[in-house]
Protein backbone atom coordinates (compact mmCIF):
# COMPACT_ATOMS: atom_id res chain seq x y z
CA UNK A 1 111.33 216.43 108.11
CA UNK A 2 109.54 219.98 108.83
CA UNK A 3 109.72 221.75 112.33
CA UNK A 4 107.51 224.37 114.08
CA UNK A 5 109.72 226.93 115.87
CA UNK A 6 109.23 229.72 118.27
CA UNK A 7 107.07 232.32 116.47
CA UNK A 8 104.32 229.65 116.15
CA UNK A 9 101.10 231.45 116.81
CA UNK A 10 98.82 228.36 117.01
CA UNK A 11 96.58 229.48 114.21
CA UNK A 12 96.24 225.80 113.24
CA UNK A 13 96.10 226.51 109.57
CA UNK A 14 98.82 224.11 109.29
CA UNK A 15 96.82 221.27 110.77
CA UNK A 16 94.06 221.91 108.09
CA UNK A 17 96.18 221.20 105.35
CA UNK A 18 98.46 218.40 106.74
CA UNK A 19 97.67 215.47 104.65
CA UNK A 20 98.76 212.77 107.29
CA UNK A 21 97.60 214.57 110.50
CA UNK A 22 101.17 214.74 112.06
CA UNK A 23 100.72 218.33 113.72
CA UNK A 24 99.74 218.30 117.27
CA UNK A 25 97.85 219.31 119.22
CA UNK A 26 94.76 220.00 116.88
CA UNK A 27 92.06 222.19 117.86
CA UNK A 28 89.90 219.39 118.81
CA UNK A 29 92.60 218.03 121.26
CA UNK A 30 93.43 218.77 124.90
CA UNK A 31 96.17 221.51 125.29
CA UNK A 32 95.22 223.23 122.21
CA UNK A 33 95.43 226.99 123.02
CA UNK A 34 97.65 226.54 126.16
CA UNK A 35 100.46 224.76 124.35
CA UNK A 36 103.56 226.84 123.85
CA UNK A 37 103.50 225.97 120.04
CA UNK A 38 102.19 223.35 117.88
CA UNK A 39 104.43 220.38 117.10
CA UNK A 40 105.23 218.07 113.92
CA UNK A 41 105.47 214.33 114.43
CA UNK A 42 108.91 213.46 112.82
CA UNK A 43 107.99 210.06 112.41
CA UNK A 44 104.88 210.85 110.40
CA UNK A 45 105.98 213.98 108.61
CA UNK A 46 106.03 213.29 104.77
CA UNK A 47 108.00 216.54 103.88
CA UNK A 48 105.32 217.79 101.67
CA UNK A 49 105.68 221.46 102.89
CA UNK A 50 102.01 222.09 103.14
CA UNK A 51 102.22 223.17 106.55
CA UNK A 52 104.91 225.67 105.68
CA UNK A 53 103.10 227.08 102.94
CA UNK A 54 99.84 227.61 105.09
CA UNK A 55 101.61 228.85 108.08
CA UNK A 56 100.98 232.77 108.37
CA UNK A 57 103.79 233.61 110.61
CA UNK A 58 106.57 231.76 108.67
CA UNK A 59 107.17 229.42 111.96
CA UNK A 60 107.82 226.27 109.99
CA UNK A 61 110.99 225.19 108.33
CA UNK A 62 112.79 221.91 106.94
CA UNK A 63 114.98 220.59 109.87
CA UNK A 64 118.13 220.84 107.64
CA UNK A 65 117.50 224.45 107.08
CA UNK A 66 117.55 225.59 110.54
CA UNK A 67 119.99 228.06 112.27
CA UNK A 68 121.88 227.32 115.19
CA UNK A 69 119.73 229.19 117.63
CA UNK A 70 116.38 227.31 116.32
CA UNK A 71 117.79 223.77 116.02
CA UNK A 72 116.65 223.15 119.64
CA UNK A 73 113.04 223.08 118.17
CA UNK A 74 113.95 219.48 116.28
CA UNK A 75 113.94 218.00 119.83
CA UNK A 76 111.20 220.04 121.09
CA UNK A 77 108.80 218.70 118.30
CA UNK A 78 110.02 215.24 118.79
CA UNK A 79 109.84 215.36 122.68
CA UNK A 80 106.23 216.42 122.72
CA UNK A 81 105.26 212.99 121.06
CA UNK A 82 107.48 211.13 123.66
CA UNK A 83 105.68 212.84 126.58
CA UNK A 84 102.29 212.53 124.81
CA UNK A 85 101.94 208.75 123.74
CA UNK A 86 97.96 209.12 123.48
CA UNK A 87 98.55 211.28 120.65
CA UNK A 88 98.44 209.28 117.55
CA UNK A 89 99.32 210.96 113.87
CA UNK A 90 97.71 209.51 110.64
CA UNK A 91 93.79 208.99 109.94
CA UNK A 92 91.67 206.00 110.79
CA UNK A 93 87.97 205.72 110.05
CA UNK A 94 85.57 205.74 113.28
CA UNK A 95 85.24 202.28 114.91
CA UNK A 96 87.51 200.69 112.06
CA UNK A 97 91.30 199.58 112.20
CA UNK A 98 93.11 199.97 108.68
CA UNK A 99 96.55 198.69 108.20
CA UNK A 100 99.29 201.04 108.40
CA UNK A 101 97.76 203.71 110.49
CA UNK A 102 100.36 204.08 113.06
CA UNK A 103 102.58 205.69 113.09
CA UNK A 104 102.74 206.28 109.41
CA UNK A 105 99.49 205.87 107.17
CA UNK A 106 99.35 204.06 104.05
CA UNK A 107 96.82 205.01 100.90
CA UNK A 108 93.69 203.20 101.88
CA UNK A 109 90.51 203.18 99.60
CA UNK A 110 87.62 203.82 101.86
CA UNK A 111 83.94 203.78 101.35
CA UNK A 112 81.08 205.63 103.24
CA UNK A 113 80.36 202.49 105.00
CA UNK A 114 83.96 202.51 106.76
CA UNK A 115 82.96 205.92 108.45
CA UNK A 116 80.09 205.00 110.38
CA UNK A 117 80.97 208.03 112.76
CA UNK A 118 80.49 210.76 110.26
CA UNK A 119 77.51 212.86 110.74
CA UNK A 120 76.59 216.06 108.29
CA UNK A 121 75.62 219.21 110.28
CA UNK A 122 72.33 221.15 109.24
CA UNK A 123 73.28 224.43 107.67
CA UNK A 124 70.90 227.17 109.44
CA UNK A 125 69.10 229.50 106.98
CA UNK A 126 70.07 233.04 108.06
CA UNK A 127 67.86 236.23 107.49
CA UNK A 128 68.60 238.24 104.39
CA UNK A 129 70.88 241.30 104.43
CA UNK A 130 72.38 240.98 107.97
CA UNK A 131 74.42 244.01 109.00
CA UNK A 132 77.16 243.57 111.55
CA UNK A 133 79.45 246.02 113.29
CA UNK A 134 82.69 244.56 114.66
CA UNK A 135 84.79 246.72 117.03
CA UNK A 136 88.54 245.80 117.25
CA UNK A 137 90.99 244.63 114.76
CA UNK A 138 93.31 242.36 116.72
CA UNK A 139 93.51 238.48 116.31
CA UNK A 140 90.16 237.87 117.99
CA UNK A 141 88.58 240.47 115.83
CA UNK A 142 90.27 239.24 112.77
CA UNK A 143 89.17 235.66 113.35
CA UNK A 144 85.54 236.63 114.09
CA UNK A 145 85.75 238.69 110.56
CA UNK A 146 87.17 235.62 108.82
CA UNK A 147 84.33 233.29 110.22
CA UNK A 148 81.61 235.72 109.56
CA UNK A 149 82.74 236.10 105.81
CA UNK A 150 82.89 232.42 105.49
CA UNK A 151 79.62 231.54 107.21
CA UNK A 152 77.24 234.40 106.49
CA UNK A 153 76.46 236.54 103.57
CA UNK A 154 76.30 239.58 106.11
CA UNK A 155 77.74 242.97 105.39
CA UNK A 156 80.42 243.76 108.26
CA UNK A 157 81.62 247.21 109.22
CA UNK A 158 85.02 246.85 110.99
CA UNK A 159 85.79 249.83 113.63
CA UNK A 160 88.95 250.60 115.26
CA UNK A 161 89.84 253.60 117.34
CA UNK A 162 93.48 253.90 115.71
CA UNK A 163 93.78 254.61 111.90
CA UNK A 164 95.93 251.29 111.59
CA UNK A 165 94.38 247.81 112.25
CA UNK A 166 96.06 245.04 114.03
CA UNK A 167 95.33 245.87 117.98
CA UNK A 168 98.00 244.18 120.03
CA UNK A 169 99.68 242.39 117.17
CA UNK A 170 100.77 245.64 115.75
CA UNK A 171 101.09 247.61 119.20
CA UNK A 172 101.90 244.63 121.52
CA UNK A 173 104.11 241.96 119.89
CA UNK A 174 107.96 242.66 120.39
CA UNK A 175 109.55 244.34 117.46
CA UNK A 176 112.19 241.58 117.34
CA UNK A 177 109.45 239.00 116.78
CA UNK A 178 108.40 240.03 113.36
CA UNK A 179 107.29 236.49 112.27
CA UNK A 180 104.40 236.74 114.97
CA UNK A 181 102.96 239.66 113.25
CA UNK A 182 102.68 237.76 109.81
CA UNK A 183 99.08 236.87 110.74
CA UNK A 184 97.91 240.33 109.91
CA UNK A 185 98.52 239.68 106.24
CA UNK A 186 95.88 237.19 106.26
CA UNK A 187 93.51 239.62 108.03
CA UNK A 188 94.28 242.20 105.17
CA UNK A 189 92.70 239.87 102.66
CA UNK A 190 89.52 240.08 104.72
CA UNK A 191 89.66 243.88 104.52
CA UNK A 192 89.58 243.95 100.78
CA UNK A 193 86.22 241.82 100.58
CA UNK A 194 83.55 243.76 99.03
CA UNK A 195 81.18 242.66 102.03
CA UNK A 196 83.55 244.57 104.37
CA UNK A 197 83.83 248.29 105.18
CA UNK A 198 86.63 249.63 107.20
CA UNK A 199 86.14 252.72 109.47
CA UNK A 200 89.12 253.23 111.47
CA UNK A 201 90.33 256.14 113.36
CA UNK A 202 86.87 255.97 115.22
CA UNK A 203 86.34 255.52 118.77
CA UNK A 204 83.37 253.75 120.60
CA UNK A 205 82.55 255.17 123.90
CA UNK A 206 80.69 258.48 125.30
CA UNK A 207 83.00 261.12 124.10
CA UNK A 208 81.76 263.94 121.83
CA UNK A 209 83.68 262.46 118.86
CA UNK A 210 82.97 258.77 119.71
CA UNK A 211 80.03 256.28 118.63
CA UNK A 212 78.13 254.91 121.42
CA UNK A 213 77.37 251.31 122.00
CA UNK A 214 73.70 252.21 121.79
CA UNK A 215 74.08 253.78 118.34
CA UNK A 216 75.93 250.79 117.20
CA UNK A 217 73.06 248.54 118.36
CA UNK A 218 70.57 250.88 116.64
CA UNK A 219 72.30 250.70 113.21
CA UNK A 220 73.14 247.03 113.06
CA UNK A 221 71.79 243.83 113.46
CA UNK A 222 74.65 242.64 115.83
CA UNK A 223 77.60 244.10 117.21
CA UNK A 224 80.79 242.30 118.11
CA UNK A 225 83.35 243.77 120.61
CA UNK A 226 87.08 242.42 120.29
CA UNK A 227 88.73 245.20 122.24
CA UNK A 228 91.25 243.02 124.03
CA UNK A 229 92.64 243.72 127.63
CA UNK A 230 95.33 246.47 127.60
CA UNK A 231 94.79 248.07 131.07
CA UNK A 232 97.52 246.96 133.36
CA UNK A 233 96.77 245.74 136.84
CA UNK A 234 98.53 247.68 139.89
CA UNK A 235 100.86 246.31 142.64
CA UNK A 236 99.08 248.14 145.36
CA UNK A 237 102.09 249.00 147.18
CA UNK A 238 103.63 252.32 148.88
CA UNK A 239 105.59 254.54 146.00
CA UNK A 240 103.94 252.78 143.05
CA UNK A 241 103.27 256.36 141.73
CA UNK A 242 106.60 257.72 141.81
CA UNK A 243 108.22 258.82 138.65
CA UNK A 244 110.28 256.08 137.21
CA UNK A 245 107.41 253.39 137.94
CA UNK A 246 105.35 252.27 135.06
CA UNK A 247 103.62 249.30 133.58
CA UNK A 248 104.66 247.05 130.77
CA UNK A 249 101.61 248.39 128.93
CA UNK A 250 102.93 251.79 128.57
CA UNK A 251 106.50 250.57 127.96
CA UNK A 252 105.51 248.30 125.25
CA UNK A 253 103.14 251.08 123.72
CA UNK A 254 106.02 253.22 123.73
CA UNK A 255 108.80 251.25 122.01
CA UNK A 256 106.09 249.91 119.60
CA UNK A 257 105.32 253.26 118.23
CA UNK A 258 101.65 253.41 119.54
CA UNK A 259 100.20 256.77 119.21
CA UNK A 260 99.71 258.73 122.32
CA UNK A 261 102.64 256.90 124.35
CA UNK A 262 105.06 259.52 123.53
CA UNK A 263 106.60 259.66 127.09
CA UNK A 264 109.55 257.11 127.40
CA UNK A 265 110.84 255.35 130.48
CA UNK A 266 112.59 257.99 132.64
CA UNK A 267 115.94 255.90 132.23
CA UNK A 268 118.72 258.03 133.93
CA UNK A 269 121.69 259.08 131.76
CA UNK A 270 124.26 258.93 134.43
CA UNK A 271 126.44 261.80 135.56
CA UNK A 272 124.62 263.89 138.16
CA UNK A 273 121.67 261.55 137.97
CA UNK A 274 123.46 258.79 139.85
CA UNK A 275 122.16 256.02 137.40
CA UNK A 276 122.10 252.66 138.65
CA UNK A 277 121.87 251.15 135.12
CA UNK A 278 119.37 248.56 136.37
CA UNK A 279 115.64 248.01 135.88
CA UNK A 280 113.40 245.99 137.91
CA UNK A 281 110.27 244.11 136.27
CA UNK A 282 107.65 242.65 138.61
CA UNK A 283 106.24 239.50 136.82
CA UNK A 284 107.59 236.57 134.74
CA UNK A 285 104.91 236.31 132.03
CA UNK A 286 105.87 236.78 128.22
CA UNK A 287 105.51 240.33 128.13
CA UNK A 288 107.97 240.77 131.21
CA UNK A 289 110.51 238.71 129.28
CA UNK A 290 109.75 240.78 126.12
CA UNK A 291 110.38 244.01 128.09
CA UNK A 292 113.54 242.50 129.63
CA UNK A 293 114.73 241.46 126.21
CA UNK A 294 114.35 244.76 124.35
CA UNK A 295 115.84 246.85 127.17
CA UNK A 296 119.20 244.87 127.17
CA UNK A 297 119.38 243.86 123.40
CA UNK A 298 122.19 245.02 121.46
CA UNK A 299 120.88 248.23 119.52
CA UNK A 300 122.32 247.03 116.30
CA UNK A 301 119.94 244.09 116.44
CA UNK A 302 116.83 246.30 117.42
CA UNK A 303 117.85 248.76 114.50
CA UNK A 304 116.87 246.06 111.93
CA UNK A 305 113.11 245.95 113.41
CA UNK A 306 110.08 247.98 113.40
CA UNK A 307 110.85 249.39 116.78
CA UNK A 308 109.88 253.17 117.22
CA UNK A 309 112.51 255.50 116.49
CA UNK A 310 112.04 257.40 119.92
CA UNK A 311 112.81 254.05 121.81
CA UNK A 312 115.68 253.18 119.31
CA UNK A 313 117.30 256.62 120.17
CA UNK A 314 117.07 256.02 123.98
CA UNK A 315 118.20 252.30 123.93
CA UNK A 316 121.05 253.22 121.79
CA UNK A 317 122.84 254.53 124.75
CA UNK A 318 122.62 251.31 126.57
CA UNK A 319 121.77 252.98 129.87
CA UNK A 320 120.25 249.59 131.18
CA UNK A 321 122.88 247.03 131.61
CA UNK A 322 120.67 244.79 133.95
CA UNK A 323 117.07 243.73 134.45
CA UNK A 324 115.96 241.90 137.37
CA UNK A 325 112.74 240.00 137.10
CA UNK A 326 110.61 239.23 140.27
CA UNK A 327 108.52 236.00 140.42
CA UNK A 328 106.38 235.57 143.34
CA UNK A 329 106.65 231.84 143.50
CA UNK A 330 109.16 229.38 142.04
CA UNK A 331 110.28 228.87 138.72
CA UNK A 332 107.95 225.98 138.16
CA UNK A 333 105.06 228.25 138.36
CA UNK A 334 106.46 231.01 136.15
CA UNK A 335 104.19 232.58 133.49
CA UNK A 336 106.37 232.52 130.67
CA UNK A 337 106.37 230.07 127.99
CA UNK A 338 109.42 227.80 127.35
CA UNK A 339 110.14 229.45 123.64
CA UNK A 340 110.23 233.05 125.17
CA UNK A 341 112.71 231.85 128.07
CA UNK A 342 114.90 230.23 125.31
CA UNK A 343 114.85 233.46 123.40
CA UNK A 344 116.85 235.33 126.16
CA UNK A 345 119.69 232.84 125.95
CA UNK A 346 120.14 233.62 122.50
CA UNK A 347 120.75 237.60 122.87
CA UNK A 348 124.39 238.19 121.98
CA UNK A 349 126.74 239.28 125.05
CA UNK A 350 123.83 238.93 127.66
CA UNK A 351 123.91 236.42 130.55
CA UNK A 352 120.90 235.05 132.30
CA UNK A 353 121.15 233.99 136.04
CA UNK A 354 118.42 232.52 137.81
CA UNK A 355 118.03 232.32 141.74
CA UNK A 356 115.24 230.09 142.62
CA UNK A 357 115.65 229.66 146.51
CA UNK A 358 112.67 229.66 148.70
CA UNK A 359 115.03 230.47 151.74
CA UNK A 360 115.68 233.80 150.12
CA UNK A 361 119.24 233.34 149.00
CA UNK A 362 119.81 236.18 146.50
CA UNK A 363 122.57 238.35 145.18
CA UNK A 364 123.53 241.62 146.65
CA UNK A 365 121.77 244.08 144.28
CA UNK A 366 122.14 247.00 146.48
CA UNK A 367 124.66 248.74 144.43
CA UNK A 368 124.43 249.99 140.89
CA UNK A 369 124.92 247.34 137.93
CA UNK A 370 128.29 246.47 136.52
CA UNK A 371 128.53 248.61 133.30
CA UNK A 372 131.12 246.17 131.90
CA UNK A 373 128.60 243.33 131.48
CA UNK A 374 124.70 242.86 130.48
CA UNK A 375 122.64 240.29 132.24
CA UNK A 376 119.11 239.30 133.04
CA UNK A 377 118.62 238.14 136.60
CA UNK A 378 115.48 236.08 137.61
CA UNK A 379 114.67 236.39 141.38
CA UNK A 380 111.78 233.73 142.40
CA UNK A 381 110.16 233.53 145.75
CA UNK A 382 110.47 237.29 145.58
CA UNK A 383 107.88 240.06 145.79
CA UNK A 384 108.01 243.87 146.19
CA UNK A 385 107.08 245.64 149.35
CA UNK A 386 107.76 249.11 148.64
CA UNK A 387 109.16 251.18 145.99
CA UNK A 388 111.42 253.70 147.47
CA UNK A 389 112.66 257.35 146.44
CA UNK A 390 111.85 260.84 147.25
CA UNK A 391 111.16 262.58 143.99
CA UNK A 392 111.67 259.59 141.84
CA UNK A 393 112.44 255.68 142.11
CA UNK A 394 115.70 254.99 143.69
CA UNK A 395 115.28 251.33 144.94
CA UNK A 396 112.70 248.61 145.43
CA UNK A 397 112.29 246.85 148.85
CA UNK A 398 111.84 243.03 148.08
CA UNK A 399 111.04 240.18 150.34
CA UNK A 400 112.61 236.90 149.08
CA UNK A 401 111.65 234.15 151.31
CA UNK A 402 111.91 235.22 154.66
CA UNK A 403 114.43 237.87 154.05
CA UNK A 404 113.88 241.64 153.02
CA UNK A 405 116.45 243.34 150.98
CA UNK A 406 116.84 246.51 148.84
CA UNK A 407 117.44 246.24 144.83
CA UNK A 408 118.72 249.74 143.80
CA UNK A 409 117.17 250.52 140.16
CA UNK A 410 116.26 253.62 137.92
CA UNK A 411 113.20 251.91 136.72
CA UNK A 412 110.48 249.58 137.95
CA UNK A 413 107.96 248.00 135.51
CA UNK A 414 104.85 246.05 136.75
CA UNK A 415 103.71 243.18 134.57
CA UNK A 416 101.40 241.12 136.48
CA UNK A 417 98.29 240.97 134.64
CA UNK A 418 95.96 242.90 132.46
CA UNK A 419 92.13 243.85 132.37
CA UNK A 420 89.85 245.29 129.76
CA UNK A 421 89.10 248.95 129.65
CA UNK A 422 85.42 249.58 130.49
CA UNK A 423 83.29 251.04 127.59
CA UNK A 424 80.72 253.45 128.81
CA UNK A 425 77.32 252.08 127.85
CA UNK A 426 78.09 248.56 128.55
CA UNK A 427 77.90 246.61 131.79
CA UNK A 428 81.54 245.74 132.97
CA UNK A 429 82.45 242.85 135.38
CA UNK A 430 85.12 244.71 137.67
CA UNK A 431 85.94 241.53 139.41
CA UNK A 432 86.98 239.54 136.31
CA UNK A 433 88.34 242.68 134.32
CA UNK A 434 86.03 241.87 131.42
CA UNK A 435 83.00 243.10 129.44
CA UNK A 436 80.07 241.36 131.23
CA UNK A 437 78.96 238.62 129.14
CA UNK A 438 77.60 234.97 129.28
CA UNK A 439 80.14 232.82 127.21
CA UNK A 440 80.06 235.60 124.66
CA UNK A 441 76.73 237.17 124.82
CA UNK A 442 76.48 240.51 126.16
CA UNK A 443 74.76 241.07 129.41
CA UNK A 444 73.24 244.44 130.71
CA UNK A 445 73.47 245.90 134.01
CA UNK A 446 70.75 243.43 135.15
CA UNK A 447 72.41 240.44 134.20
CA UNK A 448 70.09 239.90 131.12
CA UNK A 449 71.31 239.01 127.75
CA UNK A 450 71.46 241.76 125.07
CA UNK A 451 70.14 240.53 121.80
CA UNK A 452 72.58 240.81 118.98
CA UNK A 453 75.46 241.90 121.34
CA UNK A 454 78.69 239.78 121.53
CA UNK A 455 82.11 239.98 122.83
CA UNK A 456 85.23 237.87 121.73
CA UNK A 457 88.84 237.43 122.92
CA UNK A 458 90.54 238.74 126.01
CA UNK A 459 87.34 241.12 126.59
CA UNK A 460 85.38 237.88 127.02
CA UNK A 461 87.04 235.55 129.13
CA UNK A 462 90.27 237.39 130.47
CA UNK A 463 93.69 237.89 129.53
CA UNK A 464 94.72 234.25 128.91
CA UNK A 465 95.80 232.21 125.66
CA UNK A 466 97.39 233.44 122.66
CA UNK A 467 96.24 233.75 119.00
CA UNK A 468 95.14 230.09 118.67
CA UNK A 469 92.97 230.35 121.90
CA UNK A 470 91.47 233.72 120.41
CA UNK A 471 90.74 231.88 117.12
CA UNK A 472 88.71 229.15 118.74
CA UNK A 473 86.73 231.65 121.16
CA UNK A 474 86.08 233.91 118.02
CA UNK A 475 84.51 231.11 116.06
CA UNK A 476 82.52 229.86 118.89
CA UNK A 477 80.94 233.13 119.42
CA UNK A 478 80.19 233.57 115.85
CA UNK A 479 78.65 230.31 115.82
CA UNK A 480 76.35 231.35 118.88
CA UNK A 481 75.56 234.53 116.71
CA UNK A 482 74.59 232.28 113.79
CA UNK A 483 72.38 230.06 116.04
CA UNK A 484 70.67 233.42 117.33
CA UNK A 485 70.14 234.81 113.97
CA UNK A 486 68.63 231.51 112.58
CA UNK A 487 66.41 231.09 115.54
CA UNK A 488 64.93 234.86 115.24
CA UNK A 489 66.64 236.16 118.42
CA UNK A 490 67.97 239.18 116.90
CA UNK A 491 66.47 242.57 116.94
CA UNK A 492 66.64 243.66 113.17
CA UNK A 493 67.90 247.36 112.43
CA UNK A 494 65.40 249.72 110.95
CA UNK A 495 67.96 252.24 109.94
CA UNK A 496 68.87 252.48 106.22
CA UNK A 497 72.18 250.82 105.15
CA UNK A 498 74.00 254.21 104.48
CA UNK A 499 72.77 255.83 107.70
CA UNK A 500 75.69 254.57 109.96
CA UNK A 501 78.20 256.11 107.35
CA UNK A 502 76.31 259.49 107.72
CA UNK A 503 76.45 259.40 111.47
CA UNK A 504 80.22 258.61 111.72
CA UNK A 505 81.38 261.22 109.22
CA UNK A 506 79.27 263.82 111.23
CA UNK A 507 80.77 262.69 114.75
CA UNK A 508 84.31 261.78 113.52
CA UNK A 509 86.33 264.40 111.46
CA UNK A 510 88.98 261.96 109.90
CA UNK A 511 87.26 258.57 109.22
CA UNK A 512 89.73 256.15 107.50
CA UNK A 513 88.96 253.52 105.00
CA UNK A 514 90.77 250.89 103.49
CA UNK A 515 92.59 252.59 100.82
CA UNK A 516 93.65 255.12 103.65
CA UNK A 517 94.99 252.10 105.58
CA UNK A 518 96.96 250.99 102.72
CA UNK A 519 98.41 254.39 101.99
CA UNK A 520 99.61 254.56 105.87
CA UNK A 521 101.00 251.14 105.24
CA UNK A 522 102.83 251.96 101.95
CA UNK A 523 104.61 255.04 103.44
CA UNK A 524 105.71 253.29 106.82
CA UNK A 525 107.38 250.70 104.52
CA UNK A 526 108.88 253.40 102.37
CA UNK A 527 110.29 255.01 105.38
CA UNK A 528 111.63 251.59 106.72
CA UNK A 529 113.29 250.67 103.20
CA UNK A 530 115.27 253.85 103.43
CA UNK A 531 116.79 252.55 106.64
CA UNK A 532 117.18 248.98 105.92
CA UNK A 533 114.14 248.09 108.22
CA UNK A 534 110.64 246.51 107.71
CA UNK A 535 109.04 249.63 108.36
CA UNK A 536 109.13 252.88 110.32
CA UNK A 537 105.90 253.46 111.99
CA UNK A 538 104.28 256.76 112.48
CA UNK A 539 103.75 257.81 116.07
CA UNK A 540 101.40 260.77 115.74
CA UNK A 541 97.62 260.58 114.69
CA UNK A 542 97.94 263.50 112.91
CA UNK A 543 100.81 262.12 110.80
CA UNK A 544 98.61 258.89 109.99
CA UNK A 545 95.79 260.91 109.09
CA UNK A 546 97.95 263.02 106.57
CA UNK A 547 99.31 259.77 105.15
CA UNK A 548 96.04 258.43 104.74
CA UNK A 549 94.97 261.60 102.82
CA UNK A 550 91.56 261.80 101.46
CA UNK A 551 91.29 257.98 100.66
CA UNK A 552 88.04 256.36 101.40
CA UNK A 553 86.67 252.89 100.67
């Protein structure tokens, strides 16, 4: 029997190769895209291993090969089917009952007459020589590219503002979750396709060294924006701008080695700085739990990951002994997923304590944290009212239930949601925090659809859903593009195919192609191998450009 574990990305590649339909929810079923993980039916699994081979993030293992930490997922997979009796594994023809289909299918010879529900879709005929620009290389961009390559004969130019592709998979996934980053391997195969041109280290906006959205629309038949939602929402309380108050976005970028995020959290070193040894995180989503886990994890564990050297040097000092997470409502309304919460219990030497009292009964946290222990404390029914300090953060005033109290802290991290960053030249829905669109089709300032303009992922629908949801979102929008192209709704570019390359080289000093991307990757891995780590990332753009050399596609 095979089991799906915590690092599942809901890519659903495993679903498509399973010969007995024993992995649920499938993309066609309720709950796909919102379920924490996919689940293998233990009664129907035939141990063929096809799912494990297809998994892009190495999340599927034989049950008898699981370590102590992951054996809980045997029950999690099985419990899904106990609580969803309507989910049936196996295949059956539409309108026909064949023997042996539940719960374990037999091999049945079937003819076309046994499958009356099958319909064959019409494949639209697309214009020849389509040219497409794709801005962004995170999961949404990767799945949009895969669908474009599979479903069309178009030439695709992939653009990213950073020299290295990956988006939030590279710069947002916690370094101690390396399995999730495995999805990038499948995208790398796409970047090698002869119909794909990589143009990284290229920004899109209104800057003097950037390409404008209008120029993209002028040079391509269609433009897809897959730029995510990386701007952190604010708390809107007094003291939020004090030194020592930061966002999860900035902190994650710092420890994930994102270029331009050189300033680490001002964690006090003790002595004259009167350190409390405590950090407060406002929010209980997966990112909040990631930050808490990184701050208190043993440095020897982090030293085996691709965490930034700049972060490892500070975290090795172990100046944070305690992290307090604040949830406005009760534990049943927390935004984290069950696997992320379970991961906290697996941190060696770290206690997890939960206070979920609507009447405001909470521990006294007004004094510095106990330096002899490490713990993570959840305070539910609690919200910050003010961040207190003269020249920097000293404490947070919190209301728990009907009681106000202070929590002494060195660091306050807000993790209460995200929004897309506006791109000059594109209409922006400020209320929703997304690029203005009608189910993926770009809108102008007047609300009219822009022919050939599309947006996918979090920039389309807001910061909800993981990799699996982004995959379905990207596929749906590409299908809309195909329908538009087939019906003649695109405005075809009159620019020569090489015109965009000439424009980019004039505007951007160091454009990096696929060979340059690979050169950066090889050097990072070589630096990591010398330290027994997966990679040591470059943190400066100049170093990345230098590593790429003069490589061009």
